[in-house]
Amino acid sequence: MRSNRRTAHVHRPRCIAVYLADRMSGATRAEIGAAFRRDQTIVAMYCRAIERHAAEDNALRDLLLELKAALAR
C-alpha cells in the first residue's frame, strides 16, 4: 500500500484504503497522507476519484459498504 508504484493492482486498493481512512479514522488528510507516503492533496484526489467511481460502479459501491461494515465491527 505504501509503494511508489502506480500499477493497477496496487493503485486501486491504495485509493480505497486512503478513502476509508479518510472517512472512518478521524485523522486529518495530512496524517493519512503521511501514513501512505502521499500528501494531503493526493488524499483528497483519491477520495474524489473513489466517490466518482462508486457513483457509477455498483460493485465498487457494494465493496465499500462491506469494508465499512467490517471495519466498524
PDB file of N, CA and C in Angstrom:
ATOM      1  N   MET A   1       0.811  -1.197   0.000  1.00  0.00           N
ATOM      2  CA  MET A   1       0.000   0.000   0.000  1.00  0.00           C
ATOM      3  C   MET A   1       0.857   1.265   0.000  1.00  0.00           C
ATOM      4  N   ARG A   2       2.056   1.170   0.545  1.00  0.00           N
ATOM      5  CA  ARG A   2       2.883   2.356   0.642  1.00  0.00           C
ATOM      6  C   ARG A   2       3.904   2.420  -0.496  1.00  0.00           C
ATOM      7  N   SER A   3       3.750   1.571  -1.475  1.00  0.00           N
ATOM      8  CA  SER A   3       4.661   1.546  -2.607  1.00  0.00           C
ATOM      9  C   SER A   3       4.534   2.818  -3.437  1.00  0.00           C
ATOM     10  N   ASN A   4       5.600   3.182  -4.118  1.00  0.00           N
ATOM     11  CA  ASN A   4       5.564   4.331  -5.017  1.00  0.00           C
ATOM     12  C   ASN A   4       5.057   3.947  -6.401  1.00  0.00           C
ATOM     13  N   ARG A   5       4.907   2.672  -6.646  1.00  0.00           N
ATOM     14  CA  ARG A   5       4.443   2.221  -7.950  1.00  0.00           C
ATOM     15  C   ARG A   5       2.970   2.549  -8.148  1.00  0.00           C
ATOM     16  N   ARG A   6       2.580   2.691  -9.404  1.00  0.00           N
ATOM     17  CA  ARG A   6       1.204   3.051  -9.722  1.00  0.00           C
ATOM     18  C   ARG A   6       0.487   1.961 -10.506  1.00  0.00           C
ATOM     19  N   THR A   7       0.977   0.736 -10.440  1.00  0.00           N
ATOM     20  CA  THR A   7       0.314  -0.333 -11.161  1.00  0.00           C
ATOM     21  C   THR A   7      -1.087  -0.521 -10.603  1.00  0.00           C
ATOM     22  N   ALA A   8      -1.984  -0.985 -11.457  1.00  0.00           N
ATOM     23  CA  ALA A   8      -3.402  -1.071 -11.084  1.00  0.00           C
ATOM     24  C   ALA A   8      -3.631  -1.953  -9.868  1.00  0.00           C
ATOM     25  N   HIS A   9      -2.867  -3.036  -9.736  1.00  0.00           N
ATOM     26  CA  HIS A   9      -3.118  -3.937  -8.607  1.00  0.00           C
ATOM     27  C   HIS A   9      -2.669  -3.328  -7.281  1.00  0.00           C
ATOM     28  N   VAL A  10      -1.910  -2.246  -7.309  1.00  0.00           N
ATOM     29  CA  VAL A  10      -1.524  -1.533  -6.096  1.00  0.00           C
ATOM     30  C   VAL A  10      -2.309  -0.233  -5.957  1.00  0.00           C
ATOM     31  N   HIS A  11      -2.517   0.452  -7.054  1.00  0.00           N
ATOM     32  CA  HIS A  11      -3.118   1.777  -7.015  1.00  0.00           C
ATOM     33  C   HIS A  11      -4.566   1.774  -6.518  1.00  0.00           C
ATOM     34  N   ARG A  12      -5.395   0.946  -7.085  1.00  0.00           N
ATOM     35  CA  ARG A  12      -6.813   0.972  -6.701  1.00  0.00           C
ATOM     36  C   ARG A  12      -7.024   0.570  -5.244  1.00  0.00           C
ATOM     37  N   PRO A  13      -6.401  -0.518  -4.766  1.00  0.00           N
ATOM     38  CA  PRO A  13      -6.546  -0.824  -3.338  1.00  0.00           C
ATOM     39  C   PRO A  13      -6.023   0.294  -2.440  1.00  0.00           C
ATOM     40  N   ARG A  14      -4.943   0.955  -2.862  1.00  0.00           N
ATOM     41  CA  ARG A  14      -4.416   2.075  -2.079  1.00  0.00           C
ATOM     42  C   ARG A  14      -5.447   3.198  -2.022  1.00  0.00           C
ATOM     43  N   CYS A  15      -6.056   3.513  -3.153  1.00  0.00           N
ATOM     44  CA  CYS A  15      -7.083   4.566  -3.183  1.00  0.00           C
ATOM     45  C   CYS A  15      -8.243   4.221  -2.253  1.00  0.00           C
ATOM     46  N   ILE A  16      -8.662   2.979  -2.267  1.00  0.00           N
ATOM     47  CA  ILE A  16      -9.761   2.545  -1.408  1.00  0.00           C
ATOM     48  C   ILE A  16      -9.354   2.652   0.058  1.00  0.00           C
ATOM     49  N   ALA A  17      -8.137   2.227   0.378  1.00  0.00           N
ATOM     50  CA  ALA A  17      -7.658   2.299   1.763  1.00  0.00           C
ATOM     51  C   ALA A  17      -7.576   3.742   2.237  1.00  0.00           C
ATOM     52  N   VAL A  18      -7.084   4.617   1.388  1.00  0.00           N
ATOM     53  CA  VAL A  18      -6.999   6.040   1.733  1.00  0.00           C
ATOM     54  C   VAL A  18      -8.402   6.608   1.932  1.00  0.00           C
ATOM     55  N   TYR A  19      -9.315   6.281   1.046  1.00  0.00           N
ATOM     56  CA  TYR A  19     -10.697   6.746   1.155  1.00  0.00           C
ATOM     57  C   TYR A  19     -11.321   6.304   2.480  1.00  0.00           C
ATOM     58  N   LEU A  20     -11.153   5.023   2.816  1.00  0.00           N
ATOM     59  CA  LEU A  20     -11.723   4.509   4.062  1.00  0.00           C
ATOM     60  C   LEU A  20     -11.067   5.160   5.280  1.00  0.00           C
ATOM     61  N   ALA A  21      -9.770   5.358   5.211  1.00  0.00           N
ATOM     62  CA  ALA A  21      -9.077   6.032   6.314  1.00  0.00           C
ATOM     63  C   ALA A  21      -9.613   7.448   6.487  1.00  0.00           C
ATOM     64  N   ASP A  22      -9.850   8.128   5.384  1.00  0.00           N
ATOM     65  CA  ASP A  22     -10.371   9.493   5.448  1.00  0.00           C
ATOM     66  C   ASP A  22     -11.774   9.527   6.032  1.00  0.00           C
ATOM     67  N   ARG A  23     -12.588   8.581   5.642  1.00  0.00           N
ATOM     68  CA  ARG A  23     -13.984   8.587   6.078  1.00  0.00           C
ATOM     69  C   ARG A  23     -14.189   8.029   7.486  1.00  0.00           C
ATOM     70  N   MET A  24     -13.302   7.145   7.934  1.00  0.00           N
ATOM     71  CA  MET A  24     -13.581   6.411   9.164  1.00  0.00           C
ATOM     72  C   MET A  24     -12.609   6.663  10.317  1.00  0.00           C
ATOM     73  N   SER A  25     -11.450   7.238  10.046  1.00  0.00           N
ATOM     74  CA  SER A  25     -10.429   7.285  11.091  1.00  0.00           C
ATOM     75  C   SER A  25     -10.484   8.521  11.970  1.00  0.00           C
ATOM     76  N   GLY A  26     -10.984   9.608  11.451  1.00  0.00           N
ATOM     77  CA  GLY A  26     -10.938  10.848  12.211  1.00  0.00           C
ATOM     78  C   GLY A  26      -9.594  11.551  12.115  1.00  0.00           C
ATOM     79  N   ALA A  27      -8.657  10.961  11.395  1.00  0.00           N
ATOM     80  CA  ALA A  27      -7.345  11.581  11.199  1.00  0.00           C
ATOM     81  C   ALA A  27      -7.456  12.671  10.138  1.00  0.00           C
ATOM     82  N   THR A  28      -6.528  13.608  10.183  1.00  0.00           N
ATOM     83  CA  THR A  28      -6.508  14.647   9.163  1.00  0.00           C
ATOM     84  C   THR A  28      -5.994  14.060   7.845  1.00  0.00           C
ATOM     85  N   ARG A  29      -6.260  14.742   6.775  1.00  0.00           N
ATOM     86  CA  ARG A  29      -5.761  14.275   5.488  1.00  0.00           C
ATOM     87  C   ARG A  29      -4.236  14.316   5.429  1.00  0.00           C
ATOM     88  N   ALA A  30      -3.640  15.243   6.139  1.00  0.00           N
ATOM     89  CA  ALA A  30      -2.173  15.296   6.209  1.00  0.00           C
ATOM     90  C   ALA A  30      -1.632  14.057   6.922  1.00  0.00           C
ATOM     91  N   GLU A  31      -2.292  13.646   8.010  1.00  0.00           N
ATOM     92  CA  GLU A  31      -1.870  12.451   8.740  1.00  0.00           C
ATOM     93  C   GLU A  31      -2.049  11.192   7.893  1.00  0.00           C
ATOM     94  N   ILE A  32      -3.164  11.122   7.196  1.00  0.00           N
ATOM     95  CA  ILE A  32      -3.416   9.974   6.327  1.00  0.00           C
ATOM     96  C   ILE A  32      -2.384   9.951   5.209  1.00  0.00           C
ATOM     97  N   GLY A  33      -2.134  11.091   4.608  1.00  0.00           N
ATOM     98  CA  GLY A  33      -1.139  11.167   3.551  1.00  0.00           C
ATOM     99  C   GLY A  33       0.232  10.715   4.025  1.00  0.00           C
ATOM    100  N   ALA A  34       0.617  11.126   5.218  1.00  0.00           N
ATOM    101  CA  ALA A  34       1.916  10.721   5.757  1.00  0.00           C
ATOM    102  C   ALA A  34       1.976   9.209   5.946  1.00  0.00           C
ATOM    103  N   ALA A  35       0.887   8.609   6.394  1.00  0.00           N
ATOM    104  CA  ALA A  35       0.857   7.164   6.603  1.00  0.00           C
ATOM    105  C   ALA A  35       1.005   6.391   5.290  1.00  0.00           C
ATOM    106  N   PHE A  36       0.514   6.980   4.204  1.00  0.00           N
ATOM    107  CA  PHE A  36       0.578   6.327   2.896  1.00  0.00           C
ATOM    108  C   PHE A  36       1.676   6.906   1.997  1.00  0.00           C
ATOM    109  N   ARG A  37       2.509   7.762   2.588  1.00  0.00           N
ATOM    110  CA  ARG A  37       3.593   8.419   1.842  1.00  0.00           C
ATOM    111  C   ARG A  37       3.058   9.244   0.670  1.00  0.00           C
ATOM    112  N   ARG A  38       1.998   9.960   0.932  1.00  0.00           N
ATOM    113  CA  ARG A  38       1.386  10.856  -0.039  1.00  0.00           C
ATOM    114  C   ARG A  38       1.131  12.185   0.664  1.00  0.00           C
ATOM    115  N   ASP A  39       0.824  13.238  -0.096  1.00  0.00           N
ATOM    116  CA  ASP A  39       0.469  14.488   0.582  1.00  0.00           C
ATOM    117  C   ASP A  39      -1.048  14.625   0.629  1.00  0.00           C
ATOM    118  N   GLN A  40      -1.506  15.641   1.341  1.00  0.00           N
ATOM    119  CA  GLN A  40      -2.950  15.766   1.571  1.00  0.00           C
ATOM    120  C   GLN A  40      -3.729  16.054   0.300  1.00  0.00           C
ATOM    121  N   THR A  41      -3.112  16.657  -0.700  1.00  0.00           N
ATOM    122  CA  THR A  41      -3.829  16.903  -1.953  1.00  0.00           C
ATOM    123  C   THR A  41      -4.084  15.593  -2.692  1.00  0.00           C
ATOM    124  N   ILE A  42      -3.152  14.643  -2.587  1.00  0.00           N
ATOM    125  CA  ILE A  42      -3.345  13.326  -3.211  1.00  0.00           C
ATOM    126  C   ILE A  42      -4.447  12.575  -2.478  1.00  0.00           C
ATOM    127  N   VAL A  43      -4.485  12.694  -1.155  1.00  0.00           N
ATOM    128  CA  VAL A  43      -5.554  12.059  -0.381  1.00  0.00           C
ATOM    129  C   VAL A  43      -6.904  12.595  -0.847  1.00  0.00           C
ATOM    130  N   ALA A  44      -7.022  13.887  -1.008  1.00  0.00           N
ATOM    131  CA  ALA A  44      -8.274  14.489  -1.477  1.00  0.00           C
ATOM    132  C   ALA A  44      -8.616  13.994  -2.886  1.00  0.00           C
ATOM    133  N   MET A  45      -7.617  13.908  -3.741  1.00  0.00           N
ATOM    134  CA  MET A  45      -7.832  13.436  -5.106  1.00  0.00           C
ATOM    135  C   MET A  45      -8.311  11.980  -5.109  1.00  0.00           C
ATOM    136  N   TYR A  46      -7.675  11.124  -4.295  1.00  0.00           N
ATOM    137  CA  TYR A  46      -8.088   9.717  -4.200  1.00  0.00           C
ATOM    138  C   TYR A  46      -9.536   9.624  -3.721  1.00  0.00           C
ATOM    139  N   CYS A  47      -9.906  10.428  -2.730  1.00  0.00           N
ATOM    140  CA  CYS A  47     -11.270  10.388  -2.192  1.00  0.00           C
ATOM    141  C   CYS A  47     -12.293  10.796  -3.246  1.00  0.00           C
ATOM    142  N   ARG A  48     -12.001  11.861  -3.967  1.00  0.00           N
ATOM    143  CA  ARG A  48     -12.919  12.293  -5.038  1.00  0.00           C
ATOM    144  C   ARG A  48     -13.046  11.222  -6.111  1.00  0.00           C
ATOM    145  N   ALA A  49     -11.931  10.596  -6.463  1.00  0.00           N
ATOM    146  CA  ALA A  49     -11.947   9.564  -7.509  1.00  0.00           C
ATOM    147  C   ALA A  49     -12.778   8.362  -7.068  1.00  0.00           C
ATOM    148  N   ILE A  50     -12.598   7.919  -5.832  1.00  0.00           N
ATOM    149  CA  ILE A  50     -13.361   6.768  -5.350  1.00  0.00           C
ATOM    150  C   ILE A  50     -14.845   7.114  -5.285  1.00  0.00           C
ATOM    151  N   GLU A  51     -15.185   8.296  -4.822  1.00  0.00           N
ATOM    152  CA  GLU A  51     -16.597   8.706  -4.790  1.00  0.00           C
ATOM    153  C   GLU A  51     -17.195   8.735  -6.192  1.00  0.00           C
ATOM    154  N   ARG A  52     -16.452   9.273  -7.140  1.00  0.00           N
ATOM    155  CA  ARG A  52     -16.932   9.345  -8.524  1.00  0.00           C
ATOM    156  C   ARG A  52     -17.124   7.940  -9.102  1.00  0.00           C
ATOM    157  N   HIS A  53     -16.149   7.065  -8.898  1.00  0.00           N
ATOM    158  CA  HIS A  53     -16.251   5.702  -9.430  1.00  0.00           C
ATOM    159  C   HIS A  53     -17.359   4.918  -8.737  1.00  0.00           C
ATOM    160  N   ALA A  54     -17.529   5.108  -7.429  1.00  0.00           N
ATOM    161  CA  ALA A  54     -18.572   4.390  -6.699  1.00  0.00           C
ATOM    162  C   ALA A  54     -19.961   4.814  -7.163  1.00  0.00           C
ATOM    163  N   ALA A  55     -20.104   6.057  -7.585  1.00  0.00           N
ATOM    164  CA  ALA A  55     -21.403   6.526  -8.084  1.00  0.00           C
ATOM    165  C   ALA A  55     -21.786   5.836  -9.385  1.00  0.00           C
ATOM    166  N   GLU A  56     -20.788   5.369 -10.123  1.00  0.00           N
ATOM    167  CA  GLU A  56     -21.029   4.738 -11.421  1.00  0.00           C
ATOM    168  C   GLU A  56     -20.907   3.220 -11.395  1.00  0.00           C
ATOM    169  N   ASP A  57     -20.275   2.665 -10.365  1.00  0.00           N
ATOM    170  CA  ASP A  57     -19.939   1.241 -10.320  1.00  0.00           C
ATOM    171  C   ASP A  57     -20.575   0.599  -9.088  1.00  0.00           C
ATOM    172  N   ASN A  58     -21.623  -0.188  -9.312  1.00  0.00           N
ATOM    173  CA  ASN A  58     -22.325  -0.829  -8.199  1.00  0.00           C
ATOM    174  C   ASN A  58     -21.436  -1.793  -7.440  1.00  0.00           C
ATOM    175  N   ALA A  59     -20.554  -2.492  -8.133  1.00  0.00           N
ATOM    176  CA  ALA A  59     -19.666  -3.449  -7.470  1.00  0.00           C
ATOM    177  C   ALA A  59     -18.731  -2.722  -6.504  1.00  0.00           C
ATOM    178  N   LEU A  60     -18.198  -1.585  -6.918  1.00  0.00           N
ATOM    179  CA  LEU A  60     -17.330  -0.810  -6.039  1.00  0.00           C
ATOM    180  C   LEU A  60     -18.127  -0.256  -4.862  1.00  0.00           C
ATOM    181  N   ARG A  61     -19.319   0.227  -5.123  1.00  0.00           N
ATOM    182  CA  ARG A  61     -20.168   0.748  -4.043  1.00  0.00           C
ATOM    183  C   ARG A  61     -20.447  -0.348  -3.010  1.00  0.00           C
ATOM    184  N   ASP A  62     -20.774  -1.554  -3.481  1.00  0.00           N
ATOM    185  CA  ASP A  62     -21.031  -2.673  -2.575  1.00  0.00           C
ATOM    186  C   ASP A  62     -19.773  -3.051  -1.786  1.00  0.00           C
ATOM    187  N   LEU A  63     -18.626  -3.042  -2.462  1.00  0.00           N
ATOM    188  CA  LEU A  63     -17.367  -3.348  -1.787  1.00  0.00           C
ATOM    189  C   LEU A  63     -17.090  -2.346  -0.675  1.00  0.00           C
ATOM    190  N   LEU A  64     -17.288  -1.075  -0.952  1.00  0.00           N
ATOM    191  CA  LEU A  64     -17.064  -0.042   0.059  1.00  0.00           C
ATOM    192  C   LEU A  64     -17.994  -0.229   1.259  1.00  0.00           C
ATOM    193  N   LEU A  65     -19.244  -0.560   1.001  1.00  0.00           N
ATOM    194  CA  LEU A  65     -20.190  -0.797   2.095  1.00  0.00           C
ATOM    195  C   LEU A  65     -19.767  -1.991   2.942  1.00  0.00           C
ATOM    196  N   GLU A  66     -19.317  -3.057   2.286  1.00  0.00           N
ATOM    197  CA  GLU A  66     -18.855  -4.241   3.010  1.00  0.00           C
ATOM    198  C   GLU A  66     -17.630  -3.935   3.861  1.00  0.00           C
ATOM    199  N   LEU A  67     -16.680  -3.213   3.282  1.00  0.00           N
ATOM    200  CA  LEU A  67     -15.465  -2.872   4.008  1.00  0.00           C
ATOM    201  C   LEU A  67     -15.767  -1.960   5.191  1.00  0.00           C
ATOM    202  N   LYS A  68     -16.639  -0.976   4.982  1.00  0.00           N
ATOM    203  CA  LYS A  68     -17.011  -0.088   6.083  1.00  0.00           C
ATOM    204  C   LYS A  68     -17.673  -0.865   7.211  1.00  0.00           C
ATOM    205  N   ALA A  69     -18.548  -1.799   6.863  1.00  0.00           N
ATOM    206  CA  ALA A  69     -19.226  -2.608   7.888  1.00  0.00           C
ATOM    207  C   ALA A  69     -18.214  -3.475   8.636  1.00  0.00           C
ATOM    208  N   ALA A  70     -17.289  -4.077   7.915  1.00  0.00           N
ATOM    209  CA  ALA A  70     -16.285  -4.930   8.554  1.00  0.00           C
ATOM    210  C   ALA A  70     -15.369  -4.113   9.466  1.00  0.00           C
ATOM    211  N   LEU A  71     -15.011  -2.929   9.044  1.00  0.00           N
ATOM    212  CA  LEU A  71     -14.130  -2.088   9.857  1.00  0.00           C
ATOM    213  C   LEU A  71     -14.850  -1.501  11.068  1.00  0.00           C
ATOM    214  N   ALA A  72     -16.146  -1.335  10.965  1.00  0.00           N
ATOM    215  CA  ALA A  72     -16.914  -0.748  12.058  1.00  0.00           C
ATOM    216  C   ALA A  72     -17.133  -1.727  13.210  1.00  0.00           C
ATOM    217  N   ARG A  73     -16.913  -3.004  12.934  1.00  0.00           N
ATOM    218  CA  ARG A  73     -17.139  -4.018  13.990  1.00  0.00           C
ATOM    219  C   ARG A  73     -16.121  -3.929  15.069  1.00  0.00           C
TER     220      ARG A  73
END
